[in-house]
Amino acid sequence: MDAPMKFMQIIDFETERIDEMRELARETEARLAGTNGGPTRRLVLKDRGQPNHYLVVVEFDSYEDAMRNSDDPETTKFAEQMAALCTRPPSFTDCDVQETTDFA
């Protein structure tokens, strides 16, 4: 039987309040620490060509884990607080990981 396919969600947003956004993310991560099925990795990217434009890539072990996380009231609360710090509504892209290569 094949292992579940990794899943990533890309959150595209703009904010002039990135320090508050980072603090909100840290608080949420602290509350969720040690829970099963949550995100396994988070990558924050800042667009060099567009001030205040960011992408966050969140990795999960599976699509099912991501959907359980999405249904969690803490995640809903975080998303609402995050959106309030944005200058436009964030957009979400859901991705099944097809292939990864580590270059060492």
PDB file of N, CA and C in Angstrom:
ATOM      1  N   MET A   1       0.842  -1.190   0.000  1.00  0.00           N
ATOM      2  CA  MET A   1       0.000   0.000   0.000  1.00  0.00           C
ATOM      3  C   MET A   1       0.886   1.252   0.000  1.00  0.00           C
ATOM      4  N   ASP A   2       0.524   2.212  -0.821  1.00  0.00           N
ATOM      5  CA  ASP A   2       1.293   3.446  -0.920  1.00  0.00           C
ATOM      6  C   ASP A   2       1.073   4.326   0.306  1.00  0.00           C
ATOM      7  N   ALA A   3       2.121   5.055   0.671  1.00  0.00           N
ATOM      8  CA  ALA A   3       2.005   6.031   1.758  1.00  0.00           C
ATOM      9  C   ALA A   3       1.135   7.186   1.281  1.00  0.00           C
ATOM     10  N   PRO A   4       0.457   7.874   2.205  1.00  0.00           N
ATOM     11  CA  PRO A   4      -0.351   9.030   1.787  1.00  0.00           C
ATOM     12  C   PRO A   4       0.525  10.069   1.078  1.00  0.00           C
ATOM     13  N   MET A   5      -0.073  10.744   0.128  1.00  0.00           N
ATOM     14  CA  MET A   5       0.627  11.789  -0.598  1.00  0.00           C
ATOM     15  C   MET A   5       0.708  13.040   0.257  1.00  0.00           C
ATOM     16  N   LYS A   6       1.896  13.636   0.338  1.00  0.00           N
ATOM     17  CA  LYS A   6       2.045  14.901   1.057  1.00  0.00           C
ATOM     18  C   LYS A   6       1.159  15.947   0.387  1.00  0.00           C
ATOM     19  N   PHE A   7       0.767  16.914   1.187  1.00  0.00           N
ATOM     20  CA  PHE A   7      -0.148  17.951   0.732  1.00  0.00           C
ATOM     21  C   PHE A   7       0.396  19.295   1.192  1.00  0.00           C
ATOM     22  N   MET A   8       0.299  20.298   0.345  1.00  0.00           N
ATOM     23  CA  MET A   8       0.730  21.642   0.712  1.00  0.00           C
ATOM     24  C   MET A   8      -0.345  22.643   0.345  1.00  0.00           C
ATOM     25  N   GLN A   9      -0.468  23.633   1.204  1.00  0.00           N
ATOM     26  CA  GLN A   9      -1.374  24.733   0.923  1.00  0.00           C
ATOM     27  C   GLN A   9      -0.534  26.004   0.824  1.00  0.00           C
ATOM     28  N   ILE A  10      -0.794  26.788  -0.202  1.00  0.00           N
ATOM     29  CA  ILE A  10      -0.102  28.062  -0.392  1.00  0.00           C
ATOM     30  C   ILE A  10      -1.091  29.171  -0.074  1.00  0.00           C
ATOM     31  N   ILE A  11      -0.707  30.030   0.852  1.00  0.00           N
ATOM     32  CA  ILE A  11      -1.537  31.169   1.244  1.00  0.00           C
ATOM     33  C   ILE A  11      -0.860  32.423   0.699  1.00  0.00           C
ATOM     34  N   ASP A  12      -1.554  33.143  -0.140  1.00  0.00           N
ATOM     35  CA  ASP A  12      -1.050  34.347  -0.796  1.00  0.00           C
ATOM     36  C   ASP A  12      -1.764  35.536  -0.156  1.00  0.00           C
ATOM     37  N   PHE A  13      -0.980  36.450   0.429  1.00  0.00           N
ATOM     38  CA  PHE A  13      -1.621  37.584   1.096  1.00  0.00           C
ATOM     39  C   PHE A  13      -0.736  38.823   1.056  1.00  0.00           C
ATOM     40  N   GLU A  14      -1.367  39.944   1.344  1.00  0.00           N
ATOM     41  CA  GLU A  14      -0.665  41.219   1.459  1.00  0.00           C
ATOM     42  C   GLU A  14      -0.998  41.818   2.813  1.00  0.00           C
ATOM     43  N   THR A  15       0.033  42.378   3.461  1.00  0.00           N
ATOM     44  CA  THR A  15      -0.171  43.030   4.751  1.00  0.00           C
ATOM     45  C   THR A  15       0.878  44.100   4.969  1.00  0.00           C
ATOM     46  N   GLU A  16       0.486  45.118   5.674  1.00  0.00           N
ATOM     47  CA  GLU A  16       1.414  46.149   6.130  1.00  0.00           C
ATOM     48  C   GLU A  16       1.736  45.910   7.605  1.00  0.00           C
ATOM     49  N   ARG A  17       1.240  44.778   8.139  1.00  0.00           N
ATOM     50  CA  ARG A  17       1.369  44.477   9.567  1.00  0.00           C
ATOM     51  C   ARG A  17       2.016  43.103   9.777  1.00  0.00           C
ATOM     52  N   ILE A  18       3.143  42.881   9.080  1.00  0.00           N
ATOM     53  CA  ILE A  18       3.773  41.564   9.104  1.00  0.00           C
ATOM     54  C   ILE A  18       4.249  41.170  10.507  1.00  0.00           C
ATOM     55  N   ASP A  19       4.693  42.117  11.312  1.00  0.00           N
ATOM     56  CA  ASP A  19       5.130  41.756  12.668  1.00  0.00           C
ATOM     57  C   ASP A  19       3.966  41.212  13.490  1.00  0.00           C
ATOM     58  N   GLU A  20       2.801  41.820  13.352  1.00  0.00           N
ATOM     59  CA  GLU A  20       1.611  41.314  14.045  1.00  0.00           C
ATOM     60  C   GLU A  20       1.207  39.946  13.489  1.00  0.00           C
ATOM     61  N   MET A  21       1.368  39.765  12.184  1.00  0.00           N
ATOM     62  CA  MET A  21       1.056  38.484  11.553  1.00  0.00           C
ATOM     63  C   MET A  21       1.972  37.393  12.097  1.00  0.00           C
ATOM     64  N   ARG A  22       3.253  37.711  12.227  1.00  0.00           N
ATOM     65  CA  ARG A  22       4.215  36.733  12.765  1.00  0.00           C
ATOM     66  C   ARG A  22       3.875  36.377  14.210  1.00  0.00           C
ATOM     67  N   GLU A  23       3.519  37.354  14.997  1.00  0.00           N
ATOM     68  CA  GLU A  23       3.158  37.092  16.397  1.00  0.00           C
ATOM     69  C   GLU A  23       1.910  36.224  16.478  1.00  0.00           C
ATOM     70  N   LEU A  24       0.930  36.500  15.651  1.00  0.00           N
ATOM     71  CA  LEU A  24      -0.280  35.682  15.599  1.00  0.00           C
ATOM     72  C   LEU A  24       0.073  34.238  15.238  1.00  0.00           C
ATOM     73  N   ALA A  25       0.949  34.049  14.262  1.00  0.00           N
ATOM     74  CA  ALA A  25       1.365  32.696  13.854  1.00  0.00           C
ATOM     75  C   ALA A  25       2.088  31.990  15.000  1.00  0.00           C
ATOM     76  N   ARG A  26       2.962  32.700  15.704  1.00  0.00           N
ATOM     77  CA  ARG A  26       3.684  32.091  16.844  1.00  0.00           C
ATOM     78  C   ARG A  26       2.713  31.664  17.939  1.00  0.00           C
ATOM     79  N   GLU A  27       1.743  32.514  18.250  1.00  0.00           N
ATOM     80  CA  GLU A  27       0.759  32.168  19.285  1.00  0.00           C
ATOM     81  C   GLU A  27      -0.051  30.941  18.880  1.00  0.00           C
ATOM     82  N   THR A  28      -0.453  30.887  17.625  1.00  0.00           N
ATOM     83  CA  THR A  28      -1.235  29.748  17.143  1.00  0.00           C
ATOM     84  C   THR A  28      -0.395  28.479  17.152  1.00  0.00           C
ATOM     85  N   GLU A  29       0.849  28.563  16.714  1.00  0.00           N
ATOM     86  CA  GLU A  29       1.738  27.400  16.726  1.00  0.00           C
ATOM     87  C   GLU A  29       1.924  26.878  18.148  1.00  0.00           C
ATOM     88  N   ALA A  30       2.065  27.769  19.110  1.00  0.00           N
ATOM     89  CA  ALA A  30       2.232  27.353  20.507  1.00  0.00           C
ATOM     90  C   ALA A  30       0.999  26.606  21.004  1.00  0.00           C
ATOM     91  N   ARG A  31      -0.193  27.077  20.624  1.00  0.00           N
ATOM     92  CA  ARG A  31      -1.429  26.399  21.041  1.00  0.00           C
ATOM     93  C   ARG A  31      -1.570  25.031  20.394  1.00  0.00           C
ATOM     94  N   LEU A  32      -1.081  24.892  19.170  1.00  0.00           N
ATOM     95  CA  LEU A  32      -1.260  23.648  18.429  1.00  0.00           C
ATOM     96  C   LEU A  32      -0.103  22.667  18.592  1.00  0.00           C
ATOM     97  N   ALA A  33       0.960  23.068  19.276  1.00  0.00           N
ATOM     98  CA  ALA A  33       2.136  22.211  19.443  1.00  0.00           C
ATOM     99  C   ALA A  33       1.745  20.868  20.057  1.00  0.00           C
ATOM    100  N   GLY A  34       2.266  19.809  19.470  1.00  0.00           N
ATOM    101  CA  GLY A  34       2.023  18.482  19.996  1.00  0.00           C
ATOM    102  C   GLY A  34       0.737  17.827  19.551  1.00  0.00           C
ATOM    103  N   THR A  35      -0.059  18.517  18.742  1.00  0.00           N
ATOM    104  CA  THR A  35      -1.298  17.906  18.259  1.00  0.00           C
ATOM    105  C   THR A  35      -0.995  17.075  17.017  1.00  0.00           C
ATOM    106  N   ASN A  36      -1.688  15.978  16.874  1.00  0.00           N
ATOM    107  CA  ASN A  36      -1.497  15.098  15.719  1.00  0.00           C
ATOM    108  C   ASN A  36      -2.255  15.626  14.511  1.00  0.00           C
ATOM    109  N   GLY A  37      -1.676  15.420  13.328  1.00  0.00           N
ATOM    110  CA  GLY A  37      -2.379  15.740  12.099  1.00  0.00           C
ATOM    111  C   GLY A  37      -2.305  17.185  11.658  1.00  0.00           C
ATOM    112  N   GLY A  38      -1.573  17.996  12.389  1.00  0.00           N
ATOM    113  CA  GLY A  38      -1.447  19.395  12.002  1.00  0.00           C
ATOM    114  C   GLY A  38      -0.341  19.587  10.980  1.00  0.00           C
ATOM    115  N   PRO A  39      -0.020  20.822  10.706  1.00  0.00           N
ATOM    116  CA  PRO A  39       1.051  21.102   9.748  1.00  0.00           C
ATOM    117  C   PRO A  39       2.379  20.513  10.221  1.00  0.00           C
ATOM    118  N   THR A  40       3.188  20.077   9.270  1.00  0.00           N
ATOM    119  CA  THR A  40       4.510  19.543   9.595  1.00  0.00           C
ATOM    120  C   THR A  40       5.627  20.538   9.282  1.00  0.00           C
ATOM    121  N   ARG A  41       5.322  21.518   8.444  1.00  0.00           N
ATOM    122  CA  ARG A  41       6.329  22.515   8.073  1.00  0.00           C
ATOM    123  C   ARG A  41       5.621  23.751   7.554  1.00  0.00           C
ATOM    124  N   ARG A  42       6.269  24.916   7.788  1.00  0.00           N
ATOM    125  CA  ARG A  42       5.732  26.182   7.274  1.00  0.00           C
ATOM    126  C   ARG A  42       6.895  26.968   6.707  1.00  0.00           C
ATOM    127  N   LEU A  43       6.704  27.507   5.525  1.00  0.00           N
ATOM    128  CA  LEU A  43       7.714  28.311   4.851  1.00  0.00           C
ATOM    129  C   LEU A  43       7.081  29.659   4.530  1.00  0.00           C
ATOM    130  N   VAL A  44       7.713  30.746   4.961  1.00  0.00           N
ATOM    131  CA  VAL A  44       7.199  32.092   4.709  1.00  0.00           C
ATOM    132  C   VAL A  44       8.107  32.758   3.678  1.00  0.00           C
ATOM    133  N   LEU A  45       7.504  33.268   2.613  1.00  0.00           N
ATOM    134  CA  LEU A  45       8.235  33.902   1.528  1.00  0.00           C
ATOM    135  C   LEU A  45       7.772  35.345   1.369  1.00  0.00           C
ATOM    136  N   LYS A  46       8.729  36.255   1.153  1.00  0.00           N
ATOM    137  CA  LYS A  46       8.410  37.663   0.899  1.00  0.00           C
ATOM    138  C   LYS A  46       8.758  37.967  -0.552  1.00  0.00           C
ATOM    139  N   ASP A  47       7.825  38.524  -1.262  1.00  0.00           N
ATOM    140  CA  ASP A  47       8.007  38.881  -2.666  1.00  0.00           C
ATOM    141  C   ASP A  47       8.969  40.069  -2.753  1.00  0.00           C
ATOM    142  N   ARG A  48      10.083  39.900  -3.434  1.00  0.00           N
ATOM    143  CA  ARG A  48      11.066  40.984  -3.562  1.00  0.00           C
ATOM    144  C   ARG A  48      10.574  42.098  -4.477  1.00  0.00           C
ATOM    145  N   GLY A  49       9.649  41.777  -5.373  1.00  0.00           N
ATOM    146  CA  GLY A  49       9.180  42.752  -6.350  1.00  0.00           C
ATOM    147  C   GLY A  49       7.945  43.525  -5.929  1.00  0.00           C
ATOM    148  N   GLN A  50       7.258  43.047  -4.886  1.00  0.00           N
ATOM    149  CA  GLN A  50       6.026  43.701  -4.452  1.00  0.00           C
ATOM    150  C   GLN A  50       6.058  43.872  -2.930  1.00  0.00           C
ATOM    151  N   PRO A  51       6.223  45.096  -2.459  1.00  0.00           N
ATOM    152  CA  PRO A  51       6.238  45.318  -1.013  1.00  0.00           C
ATOM    153  C   PRO A  51       4.949  44.812  -0.368  1.00  0.00           C
ATOM    154  N   ASN A  52       5.082  44.222   0.785  1.00  0.00           N
ATOM    155  CA  ASN A  52       3.951  43.754   1.594  1.00  0.00           C
ATOM    156  C   ASN A  52       3.228  42.545   1.007  1.00  0.00           C
ATOM    157  N   HIS A  53       3.832  41.873   0.019  1.00  0.00           N
ATOM    158  CA  HIS A  53       3.236  40.670  -0.575  1.00  0.00           C
ATOM    159  C   HIS A  53       4.001  39.447  -0.058  1.00  0.00           C
ATOM    160  N   TYR A  54       3.261  38.472   0.459  1.00  0.00           N
ATOM    161  CA  TYR A  54       3.856  37.286   1.069  1.00  0.00           C
ATOM    162  C   TYR A  54       3.153  36.018   0.583  1.00  0.00           C
ATOM    163  N   LEU A  55       3.891  34.933   0.632  1.00  0.00           N
ATOM    164  CA  LEU A  55       3.354  33.599   0.381  1.00  0.00           C
ATOM    165  C   LEU A  55       3.764  32.726   1.565  1.00  0.00           C
ATOM    166  N   VAL A  56       2.852  31.938   2.053  1.00  0.00           N
ATOM    167  CA  VAL A  56       3.162  30.977   3.100  1.00  0.00           C
ATOM    168  C   VAL A  56       2.823  29.599   2.534  1.00  0.00           C
ATOM    169  N   VAL A  57       3.780  28.692   2.622  1.00  0.00           N
ATOM    170  CA  VAL A  57       3.580  27.321   2.180  1.00  0.00           C
ATOM    171  C   VAL A  57       3.513  26.453   3.437  1.00  0.00           C
ATOM    172  N   VAL A  58       2.386  25.778   3.616  1.00  0.00           N
ATOM    173  CA  VAL A  58       2.174  24.939   4.789  1.00  0.00           C
ATOM    174  C   VAL A  58       2.090  23.496   4.327  1.00  0.00           C
ATOM    175  N   GLU A  59       2.926  22.637   4.922  1.00  0.00           N
ATOM    176  CA  GLU A  59       2.978  21.230   4.525  1.00  0.00           C
ATOM    177  C   GLU A  59       2.247  20.351   5.537  1.00  0.00           C
ATOM    178  N   PHE A  60       1.549  19.363   5.017  1.00  0.00           N
ATOM    179  CA  PHE A  60       0.859  18.358   5.829  1.00  0.00           C
ATOM    180  C   PHE A  60       1.275  16.980   5.333  1.00  0.00           C
ATOM    181  N   ASP A  61       1.146  15.985   6.192  1.00  0.00           N
ATOM    182  CA  ASP A  61       1.460  14.611   5.787  1.00  0.00           C
ATOM    183  C   ASP A  61       0.465  14.082   4.767  1.00  0.00           C
ATOM    184  N   SER A  62      -0.749  14.622   4.757  1.00  0.00           N
ATOM    185  CA  SER A  62      -1.764  14.156   3.806  1.00  0.00           C
ATOM    186  C   SER A  62      -2.847  15.221   3.636  1.00  0.00           C
ATOM    187  N   TYR A  63      -3.618  15.068   2.580  1.00  0.00           N
ATOM    188  CA  TYR A  63      -4.775  15.934   2.344  1.00  0.00           C
ATOM    189  C   TYR A  63      -5.768  15.798   3.499  1.00  0.00           C
ATOM    190  N   GLU A  64      -5.966  14.564   3.963  1.00  0.00           N
ATOM    191  CA  GLU A  64      -6.917  14.320   5.047  1.00  0.00           C
ATOM    192  C   GLU A  64      -6.508  15.061   6.320  1.00  0.00           C
ATOM    193  N   ASP A  65      -5.208  15.062   6.628  1.00  0.00           N
ATOM    194  CA  ASP A  65      -4.726  15.826   7.787  1.00  0.00           C
ATOM    195  C   ASP A  65      -5.015  17.314   7.609  1.00  0.00           C
ATOM    196  N   ALA A  66      -4.796  17.821   6.402  1.00  0.00           N
ATOM    197  CA  ALA A  66      -5.034  19.239   6.134  1.00  0.00           C
ATOM    198  C   ALA A  66      -6.510  19.585   6.310  1.00  0.00           C
ATOM    199  N   MET A  67      -7.399  18.714   5.861  1.00  0.00           N
ATOM    200  CA  MET A  67      -8.832  18.983   5.979  1.00  0.00           C
ATOM    201  C   MET A  67      -9.288  18.919   7.442  1.00  0.00           C
ATOM    202  N   ARG A  68      -8.735  17.990   8.215  1.00  0.00           N
ATOM    203  CA  ARG A  68      -9.049  17.955   9.647  1.00  0.00           C
ATOM    204  C   ARG A  68      -8.558  19.240  10.321  1.00  0.00           C
ATOM    205  N   ASN A  69      -7.365  19.678   9.948  1.00  0.00           N
ATOM    206  CA  ASN A  69      -6.823  20.912  10.497  1.00  0.00           C
ATOM    207  C   ASN A  69      -7.703  22.101  10.108  1.00  0.00           C
ATOM    208  N   SER A  70      -8.161  22.113   8.865  1.00  0.00           N
ATOM    209  CA  SER A  70      -9.012  23.194   8.376  1.00  0.00           C
ATOM    210  C   SER A  70     -10.327  23.270   9.156  1.00  0.00           C
ATOM    211  N   ASP A  71     -10.847  22.118   9.575  1.00  0.00           N
ATOM    212  CA  ASP A  71     -12.106  22.065  10.320  1.00  0.00           C
ATOM    213  C   ASP A  71     -11.950  22.414  11.800  1.00  0.00           C
ATOM    214  N   ASP A  72     -10.713  22.515  12.269  1.00  0.00           N
ATOM    215  CA  ASP A  72     -10.448  22.808  13.681  1.00  0.00           C
ATOM    216  C   ASP A  72     -10.843  24.257  13.994  1.00  0.00           C
ATOM    217  N   PRO A  73     -11.596  24.497  15.062  1.00  0.00           N
ATOM    218  CA  PRO A  73     -11.992  25.866  15.423  1.00  0.00           C
ATOM    219  C   PRO A  73     -10.799  26.808  15.624  1.00  0.00           C
ATOM    220  N   GLU A  74      -9.664  26.281  16.099  1.00  0.00           N
ATOM    221  CA  GLU A  74      -8.466  27.127  16.259  1.00  0.00           C
ATOM    222  C   GLU A  74      -7.972  27.632  14.907  1.00  0.00           C
ATOM    223  N   THR A  75      -8.051  26.783  13.895  1.00  0.00           N
ATOM    224  CA  THR A  75      -7.629  27.184  12.554  1.00  0.00           C
ATOM    225  C   THR A  75      -8.567  28.252  12.003  1.00  0.00           C
ATOM    226  N   THR A  76      -9.851  28.081  12.224  1.00  0.00           N
ATOM    227  CA  THR A  76     -10.832  29.080  11.785  1.00  0.00           C
ATOM    228  C   THR A  76     -10.567  30.421  12.457  1.00  0.00           C
ATOM    229  N   LYS A  77     -10.306  30.382  13.750  1.00  0.00           N
ATOM    230  CA  LYS A  77     -10.008  31.604  14.498  1.00  0.00           C
ATOM    231  C   LYS A  77      -8.748  32.277  13.945  1.00  0.00           C
ATOM    232  N   PHE A  78      -7.699  31.479  13.704  1.00  0.00           N
ATOM    233  CA  PHE A  78      -6.462  32.021  13.148  1.00  0.00           C
ATOM    234  C   PHE A  78      -6.720  32.671  11.787  1.00  0.00           C
ATOM    235  N   ALA A  79      -7.475  31.992  10.919  1.00  0.00           N
ATOM    236  CA  ALA A  79      -7.747  32.520   9.575  1.00  0.00           C
ATOM    237  C   ALA A  79      -8.491  33.848   9.643  1.00  0.00           C
ATOM    238  N   GLU A  80      -9.434  33.967  10.558  1.00  0.00           N
ATOM    239  CA  GLU A  80     -10.179  35.220  10.716  1.00  0.00           C
ATOM    240  C   GLU A  80      -9.263  36.333  11.204  1.00  0.00           C
ATOM    241  N   GLN A  81      -8.413  36.025  12.180  1.00  0.00           N
ATOM    242  CA  GLN A  81      -7.490  37.035  12.702  1.00  0.00           C
ATOM    243  C   GLN A  81      -6.460  37.426  11.645  1.00  0.00           C
ATOM    244  N   MET A  82      -5.996  36.449  10.879  1.00  0.00           N
ATOM    245  CA  MET A  82      -5.038  36.722   9.814  1.00  0.00           C
ATOM    246  C   MET A  82      -5.655  37.643   8.765  1.00  0.00           C
ATOM    247  N   ALA A  83      -6.873  37.318   8.337  1.00  0.00           N
ATOM    248  CA  ALA A  83      -7.542  38.126   7.315  1.00  0.00           C
ATOM    249  C   ALA A  83      -7.716  39.575   7.766  1.00  0.00           C
ATOM    250  N   ALA A  84      -7.941  39.772   9.070  1.00  0.00           N
ATOM    251  CA  ALA A  84      -8.107  41.127   9.596  1.00  0.00           C
ATOM    252  C   ALA A  84      -6.820  41.939   9.499  1.00  0.00           C
ATOM    253  N   LEU A  85      -5.670  41.276   9.408  1.00  0.00           N
ATOM    254  CA  LEU A  85      -4.381  41.959   9.299  1.00  0.00           C
ATOM    255  C   LEU A  85      -3.961  42.190   7.848  1.00  0.00           C
ATOM    256  N   CYS A  86      -4.735  41.667   6.916  1.00  0.00           N
ATOM    257  CA  CYS A  86      -4.393  41.762   5.486  1.00  0.00           C
ATOM    258  C   CYS A  86      -5.001  43.005   4.848  1.00  0.00           C
ATOM    259  N   THR A  87      -4.347  43.473   3.786  1.00  0.00           N
ATOM    260  CA  THR A  87      -4.871  44.609   3.029  1.00  0.00           C
ATOM    261  C   THR A  87      -5.810  44.158   1.918  1.00  0.00           C
ATOM    262  N   ARG A  88      -5.847  42.864   1.646  1.00  0.00           N
ATOM    263  CA  ARG A  88      -6.810  42.248   0.719  1.00  0.00           C
ATOM    264  C   ARG A  88      -7.052  40.839   1.243  1.00  0.00           C
ATOM    265  N   PRO A  89      -8.166  40.237   0.899  1.00  0.00           N
ATOM    266  CA  PRO A  89      -8.419  38.875   1.380  1.00  0.00           C
ATOM    267  C   PRO A  89      -7.333  37.912   0.892  1.00  0.00           C
ATOM    268  N   PRO A  90      -6.855  37.024   1.766  1.00  0.00           N
ATOM    269  CA  PRO A  90      -5.860  36.044   1.327  1.00  0.00           C
ATOM    270  C   PRO A  90      -6.483  35.052   0.348  1.00  0.00           C
ATOM    271  N   SER A  91      -5.645  34.493  -0.516  1.00  0.00           N
ATOM    272  CA  SER A  91      -6.107  33.422  -1.402  1.00  0.00           C
ATOM    273  C   SER A  91      -5.366  32.140  -1.044  1.00  0.00           C
ATOM    274  N   PHE A  92      -6.011  31.011  -1.305  1.00  0.00           N
ATOM    275  CA  PHE A  92      -5.484  29.709  -0.915  1.00  0.00           C
ATOM    276  C   PHE A  92      -5.397  28.812  -2.135  1.00  0.00           C
ATOM    277  N   THR A  93      -4.260  28.131  -2.282  1.00  0.00           N
ATOM    278  CA  THR A  93      -4.071  27.156  -3.342  1.00  0.00           C
ATOM    279  C   THR A  93      -3.702  25.831  -2.698  1.00  0.00           C
ATOM    280  N   ASP A  94      -4.461  24.781  -2.998  1.00  0.00           N
ATOM    281  CA  ASP A  94      -4.237  23.451  -2.436  1.00  0.00           C
ATOM    282  C   ASP A  94      -3.469  22.603  -3.442  1.00  0.00           C
ATOM    283  N   CYS A  95      -2.392  21.947  -2.973  1.00  0.00           N
ATOM    284  CA  CYS A  95      -1.510  21.213  -3.881  1.00  0.00           C
ATOM    285  C   CYS A  95      -1.173  19.824  -3.346  1.00  0.00           C
ATOM    286  N   ASP A  96      -1.293  18.812  -4.188  1.00  0.00           N
ATOM    287  CA  ASP A  96      -0.760  17.493  -3.891  1.00  0.00           C
ATOM    288  C   ASP A  96       0.698  17.496  -4.329  1.00  0.00           C
ATOM    289  N   VAL A  97       1.590  17.045  -3.459  1.00  0.00           N
ATOM    290  CA  VAL A  97       3.011  16.996  -3.791  1.00  0.00           C
ATOM    291  C   VAL A  97       3.240  15.820  -4.745  1.00  0.00           C
ATOM    292  N   GLN A  98       3.755  16.115  -5.908  1.00  0.00           N
ATOM    293  CA  GLN A  98       4.021  15.087  -6.912  1.00  0.00           C
ATOM    294  C   GLN A  98       5.443  14.537  -6.812  1.00  0.00           C
ATOM    295  N   GLU A  99       6.372  15.416  -6.458  1.00  0.00           N
ATOM    296  CA  GLU A  99       7.770  15.013  -6.448  1.00  0.00           C
ATOM    297  C   GLU A  99       8.568  16.017  -5.637  1.00  0.00           C
ATOM    298  N   THR A 100       9.554  15.539  -4.917  1.00  0.00           N
ATOM    299  CA  THR A 100      10.489  16.433  -4.229  1.00  0.00           C
ATOM    300  C   THR A 100      11.913  15.955  -4.497  1.00  0.00           C
ATOM    301  N   THR A 101      12.824  16.888  -4.561  1.00  0.00           N
ATOM    302  CA  THR A 101      14.240  16.595  -4.727  1.00  0.00           C
ATOM    303  C   THR A 101      15.000  17.439  -3.720  1.00  0.00           C
ATOM    304  N   ASP A 102      15.840  16.799  -2.941  1.00  0.00           N
ATOM    305  CA  ASP A 102      16.707  17.529  -2.020  1.00  0.00           C
ATOM    306  C   ASP A 102      18.089  17.645  -2.651  1.00  0.00           C
ATOM    307  N   PHE A 103      18.563  18.865  -2.787  1.00  0.00           N
ATOM    308  CA  PHE A 103      19.907  19.103  -3.319  1.00  0.00           C
ATOM    309  C   PHE A 103      20.807  19.408  -2.131  1.00  0.00           C
ATOM    310  N   ALA A 104      21.742  18.537  -1.895  1.00  0.00           N
ATOM    311  CA  ALA A 104      22.632  18.734  -0.733  1.00  0.00           C
ATOM    312  C   ALA A 104      24.003  19.168  -1.163  1.00  0.00           C
TER     313      ALA A 104
END
